[in-house]
Amino acid sequence: MKVLMVLTSHDRLGDTGRKTGFWLEELAAPYYVFKDAGAEITLASPKGGCPPLDPKSSEPGFQTDITRRFEKDADANAELAVTARLESVRQEDYDTVFYPGGHGPMWDLAEDEYSIKLLESFLAAGKTVALVCHASGALRHVKTPDGKPLVAGKTVTGFTNGEEEEVGLTRIVPFLVEDELMGLGAVFSKVRNWGVHSVADGRLITGQNPASSGPAARLLIETLSKKK
């Protein structure tokens, strides 16, 4: 199995002067779900090279056994340092794609033409895609072949309004994931703030928050296994 993981290249948290990027757990947990299942993993980002890590995600309070495993993994960090440039990757080379979150994707992946076309091409090819947390916002411009919003009528999840409010960034982010997806006609599914929650609707898998990233990756593997 060949898995593409798409990370953000955006490192500025609006006009706050603070840094953002991808959330470590949302890369590390799925990475090892795939790696331990024997998958071949390719990392990509809009700008290529080493994508920005949200510094908050490596603070002690957000560390897990999986994030510590990743930080000590020389091979994984070597791969992270040289992510492929997003415009150079083709869905034909992969079985599936997974988008980790962090606040960064709301600024770049949600608007990136290569990301939008990539997701559309995976789905047009009948392949399953997965996105977690803020990366669910990268679906906002993704369309079906007939030009309708991909998420219209689909059950999805992502970082909730309540979770955004708890981290104090409701007025900083360019849009709220929950409101945006609902506005596009999605059925937004959620559990309590920070609860583990992942959803599959056809070929689309989404996870609510960092703790849901590993479960979403496992759900992706289960879904792929059933389609064989």
C-alpha atoms as a PDB file:
ATOM      1  CA  MET A   1       0.000   0.000   0.000  1.00  0.00           C
ATOM      2  CA  LYS A   2       1.303   3.433  -0.972  1.00  0.00           C
ATOM      3  CA  VAL A   3       0.091   6.311   1.180  1.00  0.00           C
ATOM      4  CA  LEU A   4       0.543  10.012   0.462  1.00  0.00           C
ATOM      5  CA  MET A   5       0.451  12.323   3.496  1.00  0.00           C
ATOM      6  CA  VAL A   6      -0.059  16.028   2.749  1.00  0.00           C
ATOM      7  CA  LEU A   7       1.179  18.602   5.269  1.00  0.00           C
ATOM      8  CA  THR A   8       0.837  22.374   5.453  1.00  0.00           C
ATOM      9  CA  SER A   9       3.609  24.813   4.539  1.00  0.00           C
ATOM     10  CA  HIS A  10       1.965  27.730   6.369  1.00  0.00           C
ATOM     11  CA  ASP A  11       3.638  28.905   9.587  1.00  0.00           C
ATOM     12  CA  ARG A  12       1.888  32.160  10.606  1.00  0.00           C
ATOM     13  CA  LEU A  13      -1.121  32.211  12.935  1.00  0.00           C
ATOM     14  CA  GLY A  14      -2.985  35.075  11.296  1.00  0.00           C
ATOM     15  CA  ASP A  15      -1.778  38.465  12.538  1.00  0.00           C
ATOM     16  CA  THR A  16      -0.980  37.278  16.050  1.00  0.00           C
ATOM     17  CA  GLY A  17       2.781  37.093  15.494  1.00  0.00           C
ATOM     18  CA  ARG A  18       2.645  33.487  16.694  1.00  0.00           C
ATOM     19  CA  LYS A  19       3.772  30.442  14.761  1.00  0.00           C
ATOM     20  CA  THR A  20       1.594  27.600  13.530  1.00  0.00           C
ATOM     21  CA  GLY A  21       1.998  24.695  11.130  1.00  0.00           C
ATOM     22  CA  PHE A  22       1.095  21.018  11.288  1.00  0.00           C
ATOM     23  CA  TRP A  23       0.166  19.371  14.597  1.00  0.00           C
ATOM     24  CA  LEU A  24       2.727  16.745  15.585  1.00  0.00           C
ATOM     25  CA  GLU A  25       0.326  14.085  16.884  1.00  0.00           C
ATOM     26  CA  GLU A  26      -1.733  14.339  13.692  1.00  0.00           C
ATOM     27  CA  LEU A  27       1.323  13.390  11.648  1.00  0.00           C
ATOM     28  CA  ALA A  28       2.915  10.926  14.059  1.00  0.00           C
ATOM     29  CA  ALA A  29      -0.131   8.823  14.996  1.00  0.00           C
ATOM     30  CA  PRO A  30      -1.285   8.126  11.412  1.00  0.00           C
ATOM     31  CA  TYR A  31       2.316   7.768  10.233  1.00  0.00           C
ATOM     32  CA  TYR A  32       2.869   4.789  12.514  1.00  0.00           C
ATOM     33  CA  VAL A  33      -0.564   3.301  11.816  1.00  0.00           C
ATOM     34  CA  PHE A  34       0.487   3.206   8.162  1.00  0.00           C
ATOM     35  CA  LYS A  35       4.110   2.274   8.795  1.00  0.00           C
ATOM     36  CA  ASP A  36       3.230  -0.548  11.174  1.00  0.00           C
ATOM     37  CA  ALA A  37       0.771  -1.857   8.566  1.00  0.00           C
ATOM     38  CA  GLY A  38       3.638  -2.120   6.087  1.00  0.00           C
ATOM     39  CA  ALA A  39       2.675   0.883   3.963  1.00  0.00           C
ATOM     40  CA  GLU A  40       5.088   2.897   1.871  1.00  0.00           C
ATOM     41  CA  ILE A  41       4.663   6.546   2.927  1.00  0.00           C
ATOM     42  CA  THR A  42       5.417   9.706   0.966  1.00  0.00           C
ATOM     43  CA  LEU A  43       5.213  13.120   2.638  1.00  0.00           C
ATOM     44  CA  ALA A  44       4.319  16.203   0.590  1.00  0.00           C
ATOM     45  CA  SER A  45       3.584  19.882   1.208  1.00  0.00           C
ATOM     46  CA  PRO A  46       2.786  22.903  -0.971  1.00  0.00           C
ATOM     47  CA  LYS A  47       6.321  24.327  -0.802  1.00  0.00           C
ATOM     48  CA  GLY A  48       8.176  21.036  -0.374  1.00  0.00           C
ATOM     49  CA  GLY A  49      11.127  20.659   1.963  1.00  0.00           C
ATOM     50  CA  CYS A  50      10.668  20.715   5.729  1.00  0.00           C
ATOM     51  CA  PRO A  51       7.146  21.821   6.678  1.00  0.00           C
ATOM     52  CA  PRO A  52       6.609  23.980   9.776  1.00  0.00           C
ATOM     53  CA  LEU A  53       5.711  22.240  13.006  1.00  0.00           C
ATOM     54  CA  ASP A  54       3.273  24.053  15.277  1.00  0.00           C
ATOM     55  CA  PRO A  55       5.608  24.613  18.241  1.00  0.00           C
ATOM     56  CA  LYS A  56       2.752  24.198  20.712  1.00  0.00           C
ATOM     57  CA  SER A  57       2.204  20.617  19.537  1.00  0.00           C
ATOM     58  CA  SER A  58       5.615  19.533  20.814  1.00  0.00           C
ATOM     59  CA  GLU A  59       5.120  21.012  24.287  1.00  0.00           C
ATOM     60  CA  PRO A  60       5.114  18.426  27.114  1.00  0.00           C
ATOM     61  CA  GLY A  61       1.363  18.657  27.675  1.00  0.00           C
ATOM     62  CA  PHE A  62       0.653  17.584  24.107  1.00  0.00           C
ATOM     63  CA  GLN A  63       3.275  14.861  23.874  1.00  0.00           C
ATOM     64  CA  THR A  64       2.237  11.213  23.592  1.00  0.00           C
ATOM     65  CA  ASP A  65       4.149   7.968  23.290  1.00  0.00           C
ATOM     66  CA  ILE A  66       3.641   8.217  19.532  1.00  0.00           C
ATOM     67  CA  THR A  67       4.987  11.774  19.236  1.00  0.00           C
ATOM     68  CA  ARG A  68       8.017  10.792  21.287  1.00  0.00           C
ATOM     69  CA  ARG A  69       8.542   7.792  19.022  1.00  0.00           C
ATOM     70  CA  PHE A  70       8.457  10.087  15.994  1.00  0.00           C
ATOM     71  CA  GLU A  71      10.868  12.611  17.476  1.00  0.00           C
ATOM     72  CA  LYS A  72      13.396   9.824  18.120  1.00  0.00           C
ATOM     73  CA  ASP A  73      12.916   8.250  14.683  1.00  0.00           C
ATOM     74  CA  ALA A  74      15.829   9.375  12.502  1.00  0.00           C
ATOM     75  CA  ASP A  75      14.335   7.911   9.336  1.00  0.00           C
ATOM     76  CA  ALA A  76      10.969   9.605   9.876  1.00  0.00           C
ATOM     77  CA  ASN A  77      12.618  12.957  10.522  1.00  0.00           C
ATOM     78  CA  ALA A  78      14.786  12.561   7.449  1.00  0.00           C
ATOM     79  CA  GLU A  79      11.629  12.035   5.379  1.00  0.00           C
ATOM     80  CA  LEU A  80       9.983  15.062   7.001  1.00  0.00           C
ATOM     81  CA  ALA A  81      12.944  17.271   6.085  1.00  0.00           C
ATOM     82  CA  VAL A  82      12.519  16.642   2.355  1.00  0.00           C
ATOM     83  CA  THR A  83       8.772  16.513   1.667  1.00  0.00           C
ATOM     84  CA  ALA A  84       7.829  16.444  -1.998  1.00  0.00           C
ATOM     85  CA  ARG A  85       6.455  19.602  -3.574  1.00  0.00           C
ATOM     86  CA  LEU A  86       2.684  19.162  -3.811  1.00  0.00           C
ATOM     87  CA  GLU A  87       2.452  20.135  -7.478  1.00  0.00           C
ATOM     88  CA  SER A  88       4.815  17.264  -8.356  1.00  0.00           C
ATOM     89  CA  VAL A  89       2.754  14.415  -6.892  1.00  0.00           C
ATOM     90  CA  ARG A  90       0.141  12.430  -8.840  1.00  0.00           C
ATOM     91  CA  GLN A  91      -2.693  10.397  -7.439  1.00  0.00           C
ATOM     92  CA  GLU A  92      -1.871   7.609  -9.893  1.00  0.00           C
ATOM     93  CA  ASP A  93       1.192   6.802  -7.785  1.00  0.00           C
ATOM     94  CA  TYR A  94      -0.737   6.231  -4.533  1.00  0.00           C
ATOM     95  CA  ASP A  95      -3.528   4.123  -3.134  1.00  0.00           C
ATOM     96  CA  THR A  96      -4.812   6.796  -0.766  1.00  0.00           C
ATOM     97  CA  VAL A  97      -4.063  10.224   0.712  1.00  0.00           C
ATOM     98  CA  PHE A  98      -4.189  11.433   4.318  1.00  0.00           C
ATOM     99  CA  TYR A  99      -4.200  15.094   5.439  1.00  0.00           C
ATOM    100  CA  PRO A 100      -2.988  15.799   9.014  1.00  0.00           C
ATOM    101  CA  GLY A 101      -4.241  19.008  10.570  1.00  0.00           C
ATOM    102  CA  GLY A 102      -2.920  21.838  12.667  1.00  0.00           C
ATOM    103  CA  HIS A 103      -4.088  25.381  11.985  1.00  0.00           C
ATOM    104  CA  GLY A 104      -1.762  25.834   8.998  1.00  0.00           C
ATOM    105  CA  PRO A 105      -3.952  23.987   6.438  1.00  0.00           C
ATOM    106  CA  MET A 106      -6.710  26.571   6.845  1.00  0.00           C
ATOM    107  CA  TRP A 107      -4.510  29.172   5.176  1.00  0.00           C
ATOM    108  CA  ASP A 108      -2.759  27.186   2.461  1.00  0.00           C
ATOM    109  CA  LEU A 109      -4.210  23.726   1.755  1.00  0.00           C
ATOM    110  CA  ALA A 110      -7.797  25.007   1.859  1.00  0.00           C
ATOM    111  CA  GLU A 111      -6.985  27.383  -1.018  1.00  0.00           C
ATOM    112  CA  ASP A 112      -4.176  25.549  -2.843  1.00  0.00           C
ATOM    113  CA  GLU A 113      -5.130  24.662  -6.423  1.00  0.00           C
ATOM    114  CA  TYR A 114      -2.887  21.597  -6.454  1.00  0.00           C
ATOM    115  CA  SER A 115      -4.416  20.297  -3.241  1.00  0.00           C
ATOM    116  CA  ILE A 116      -7.941  20.809  -4.558  1.00  0.00           C
ATOM    117  CA  LYS A 117      -7.161  19.076  -7.860  1.00  0.00           C
ATOM    118  CA  LEU A 118      -5.331  16.268  -6.062  1.00  0.00           C
ATOM    119  CA  LEU A 119      -8.283  15.469  -3.802  1.00  0.00           C
ATOM    120  CA  GLU A 120     -10.668  15.643  -6.744  1.00  0.00           C
ATOM    121  CA  SER A 121      -8.457  13.299  -8.763  1.00  0.00           C
ATOM    122  CA  PHE A 122      -8.258  10.722  -5.959  1.00  0.00           C
ATOM    123  CA  LEU A 123     -12.035  10.680  -5.629  1.00  0.00           C
ATOM    124  CA  ALA A 124     -12.591  10.612  -9.402  1.00  0.00           C
ATOM    125  CA  ALA A 125     -10.326   7.564  -9.510  1.00  0.00           C
ATOM    126  CA  GLY A 126     -12.496   5.824  -6.901  1.00  0.00           C
ATOM    127  CA  LYS A 127      -9.883   6.089  -4.165  1.00  0.00           C
ATOM    128  CA  THR A 128     -10.537   6.821  -0.496  1.00  0.00           C
ATOM    129  CA  VAL A 129      -9.199  10.024   1.097  1.00  0.00           C
ATOM    130  CA  ALA A 130      -8.893  11.019   4.765  1.00  0.00           C
ATOM    131  CA  LEU A 131      -8.508  14.377   6.497  1.00  0.00           C
ATOM    132  CA  VAL A 132      -8.426  15.241  10.196  1.00  0.00           C
ATOM    133  CA  CYS A 133      -9.048  18.225  12.434  1.00  0.00           C
ATOM    134  CA  HIS A 134      -8.443  21.563  10.663  1.00  0.00           C
ATOM    135  CA  ALA A 135      -7.408  19.729   7.495  1.00  0.00           C
ATOM    136  CA  SER A 136     -11.089  18.934   6.945  1.00  0.00           C
ATOM    137  CA  GLY A 137     -11.256  22.600   5.940  1.00  0.00           C
ATOM    138  CA  ALA A 138      -9.193  21.681   2.867  1.00  0.00           C
ATOM    139  CA  LEU A 139     -12.440  20.261   1.458  1.00  0.00           C
ATOM    140  CA  ARG A 140     -14.074  23.687   1.185  1.00  0.00           C
ATOM    141  CA  HIS A 141     -13.378  24.113  -2.566  1.00  0.00           C
ATOM    142  CA  VAL A 142     -13.319  20.441  -3.572  1.00  0.00           C
ATOM    143  CA  LYS A 143     -16.039  19.630  -6.089  1.00  0.00           C
ATOM    144  CA  THR A 144     -17.673  16.512  -7.487  1.00  0.00           C
ATOM    145  CA  PRO A 145     -17.410  15.903 -11.267  1.00  0.00           C
ATOM    146  CA  ASP A 146     -20.745  17.705 -11.734  1.00  0.00           C
ATOM    147  CA  GLY A 147     -19.439  20.816  -9.974  1.00  0.00           C
ATOM    148  CA  LYS A 148     -21.206  20.481  -6.633  1.00  0.00           C
ATOM    149  CA  PRO A 149     -19.408  20.764  -3.273  1.00  0.00           C
ATOM    150  CA  LEU A 150     -17.967  17.362  -2.447  1.00  0.00           C
ATOM    151  CA  VAL A 151     -19.245  17.497   1.136  1.00  0.00           C
ATOM    152  CA  ALA A 152     -22.839  18.363   0.241  1.00  0.00           C
ATOM    153  CA  GLY A 153     -25.058  15.697   1.789  1.00  0.00           C
ATOM    154  CA  LYS A 154     -22.072  13.831   3.264  1.00  0.00           C
ATOM    155  CA  THR A 155     -21.486  13.159   6.938  1.00  0.00           C
ATOM    156  CA  VAL A 156     -18.156  14.676   7.958  1.00  0.00           C
ATOM    157  CA  THR A 157     -16.326  15.881  11.027  1.00  0.00           C
ATOM    158  CA  GLY A 158     -13.416  18.181  11.844  1.00  0.00           C
ATOM    159  CA  PHE A 159     -12.274  20.661  14.467  1.00  0.00           C
ATOM    160  CA  THR A 160     -15.466  21.942  16.045  1.00  0.00           C
ATOM    161  CA  ASN A 161     -16.599  25.470  16.834  1.00  0.00           C
ATOM    162  CA  GLY A 162     -16.471  24.562  20.511  1.00  0.00           C
ATOM    163  CA  GLU A 163     -12.889  23.331  20.291  1.00  0.00           C
ATOM    164  CA  GLU A 164     -11.829  26.461  18.395  1.00  0.00           C
ATOM    165  CA  GLU A 165     -13.455  28.578  21.073  1.00  0.00           C
ATOM    166  CA  GLU A 166     -11.603  26.688  23.812  1.00  0.00           C
ATOM    167  CA  VAL A 167      -8.228  27.402  22.188  1.00  0.00           C
ATOM    168  CA  GLY A 168      -9.207  31.064  21.793  1.00  0.00           C
ATOM    169  CA  LEU A 169      -8.754  31.304  18.018  1.00  0.00           C
ATOM    170  CA  THR A 170     -12.320  31.744  16.798  1.00  0.00           C
ATOM    171  CA  ARG A 171     -11.590  35.290  15.598  1.00  0.00           C
ATOM    172  CA  ILE A 172      -8.103  34.483  14.283  1.00  0.00           C
ATOM    173  CA  VAL A 173      -8.727  31.628  11.852  1.00  0.00           C
ATOM    174  CA  PRO A 174      -9.885  32.512   8.308  1.00  0.00           C
ATOM    175  CA  PHE A 175     -13.021  30.396   8.764  1.00  0.00           C
ATOM    176  CA  LEU A 176     -14.529  27.912  11.203  1.00  0.00           C
ATOM    177  CA  VAL A 177     -14.322  24.332   9.936  1.00  0.00           C
ATOM    178  CA  GLU A 178     -17.694  23.307  11.367  1.00  0.00           C
ATOM    179  CA  ASP A 179     -19.556  26.339  10.013  1.00  0.00           C
ATOM    180  CA  GLU A 180     -17.848  26.128   6.619  1.00  0.00           C
ATOM    181  CA  LEU A 181     -18.652  22.478   6.001  1.00  0.00           C
ATOM    182  CA  MET A 182     -22.237  22.875   7.197  1.00  0.00           C
ATOM    183  CA  GLY A 183     -22.606  25.899   4.930  1.00  0.00           C
ATOM    184  CA  LEU A 184     -21.595  23.696   2.007  1.00  0.00           C
ATOM    185  CA  GLY A 185     -24.384  21.270   2.839  1.00  0.00           C
ATOM    186  CA  ALA A 186     -22.512  18.701   4.902  1.00  0.00           C
ATOM    187  CA  VAL A 187     -23.989  16.854   7.841  1.00  0.00           C
ATOM    188  CA  PHE A 188     -21.480  17.745  10.552  1.00  0.00           C
ATOM    189  CA  SER A 189     -20.979  14.985  13.117  1.00  0.00           C
ATOM    190  CA  LYS A 190     -19.223  15.658  16.406  1.00  0.00           C
ATOM    191  CA  VAL A 191     -18.785  14.446  19.958  1.00  0.00           C
ATOM    192  CA  ARG A 192     -17.769  16.369  23.076  1.00  0.00           C
ATOM    193  CA  ASN A 193     -14.782  18.714  22.774  1.00  0.00           C
ATOM    194  CA  TRP A 194     -11.548  16.690  22.457  1.00  0.00           C
ATOM    195  CA  GLY A 195     -13.440  13.391  22.263  1.00  0.00           C
ATOM    196  CA  VAL A 196     -12.225  10.752  19.811  1.00  0.00           C
ATOM    197  CA  HIS A 197     -14.402  10.711  16.699  1.00  0.00           C
ATOM    198  CA  SER A 198     -13.870   9.632  13.103  1.00  0.00           C
ATOM    199  CA  VAL A 199     -16.434   9.220  10.336  1.00  0.00           C
ATOM    200  CA  ALA A 200     -16.528   7.354   7.031  1.00  0.00           C
ATOM    201  CA  ASP A 201     -19.007   8.353   4.333  1.00  0.00           C
ATOM    202  CA  GLY A 202     -18.302   6.473   1.146  1.00  0.00           C
ATOM    203  CA  ARG A 203     -14.748   7.271   0.044  1.00  0.00           C
ATOM    204  CA  LEU A 204     -14.400  10.207   2.447  1.00  0.00           C
ATOM    205  CA  ILE A 205     -12.998   9.752   5.967  1.00  0.00           C
ATOM    206  CA  THR A 206     -12.671  12.597   8.463  1.00  0.00           C
ATOM    207  CA  GLY A 207     -11.483  12.893  12.066  1.00  0.00           C
ATOM    208  CA  GLN A 208     -12.502  15.524  14.621  1.00  0.00           C
ATOM    209  CA  ASN A 209      -9.277  16.501  16.399  1.00  0.00           C
ATOM    210  CA  PRO A 210      -5.694  15.407  17.199  1.00  0.00           C
ATOM    211  CA  ALA A 211      -6.777  12.422  19.300  1.00  0.00           C
ATOM    212  CA  SER A 212      -8.881  11.234  16.342  1.00  0.00           C
ATOM    213  CA  SER A 213      -5.985  11.134  13.875  1.00  0.00           C
ATOM    214  CA  GLY A 214      -4.788   7.620  14.702  1.00  0.00           C
ATOM    215  CA  PRO A 215      -8.328   6.188  14.738  1.00  0.00           C
ATOM    216  CA  ALA A 216      -9.060   7.916  11.407  1.00  0.00           C
ATOM    217  CA  ALA A 217      -5.955   6.287   9.918  1.00  0.00           C
ATOM    218  CA  ARG A 218      -7.074   2.885  11.192  1.00  0.00           C
ATOM    219  CA  LEU A 219     -10.542   3.488   9.755  1.00  0.00           C
ATOM    220  CA  LEU A 220      -8.887   4.327   6.434  1.00  0.00           C
ATOM    221  CA  ILE A 221      -6.959   1.051   6.411  1.00  0.00           C
ATOM    222  CA  GLU A 222     -10.119  -0.885   7.317  1.00  0.00           C
ATOM    223  CA  THR A 223     -12.022   0.836   4.503  1.00  0.00           C
ATOM    224  CA  LEU A 224      -9.279   0.077   1.984  1.00  0.00           C
ATOM    225  CA  SER A 225      -9.209  -3.559   3.075  1.00  0.00           C
ATOM    226  CA  LYS A 226     -12.940  -3.920   2.495  1.00  0.00           C
ATOM    227  CA  LYS A 227     -12.675  -2.490  -1.010  1.00  0.00           C
ATOM    228  CA  LYS A 228     -10.127  -5.066  -2.151  1.00  0.00           C
END
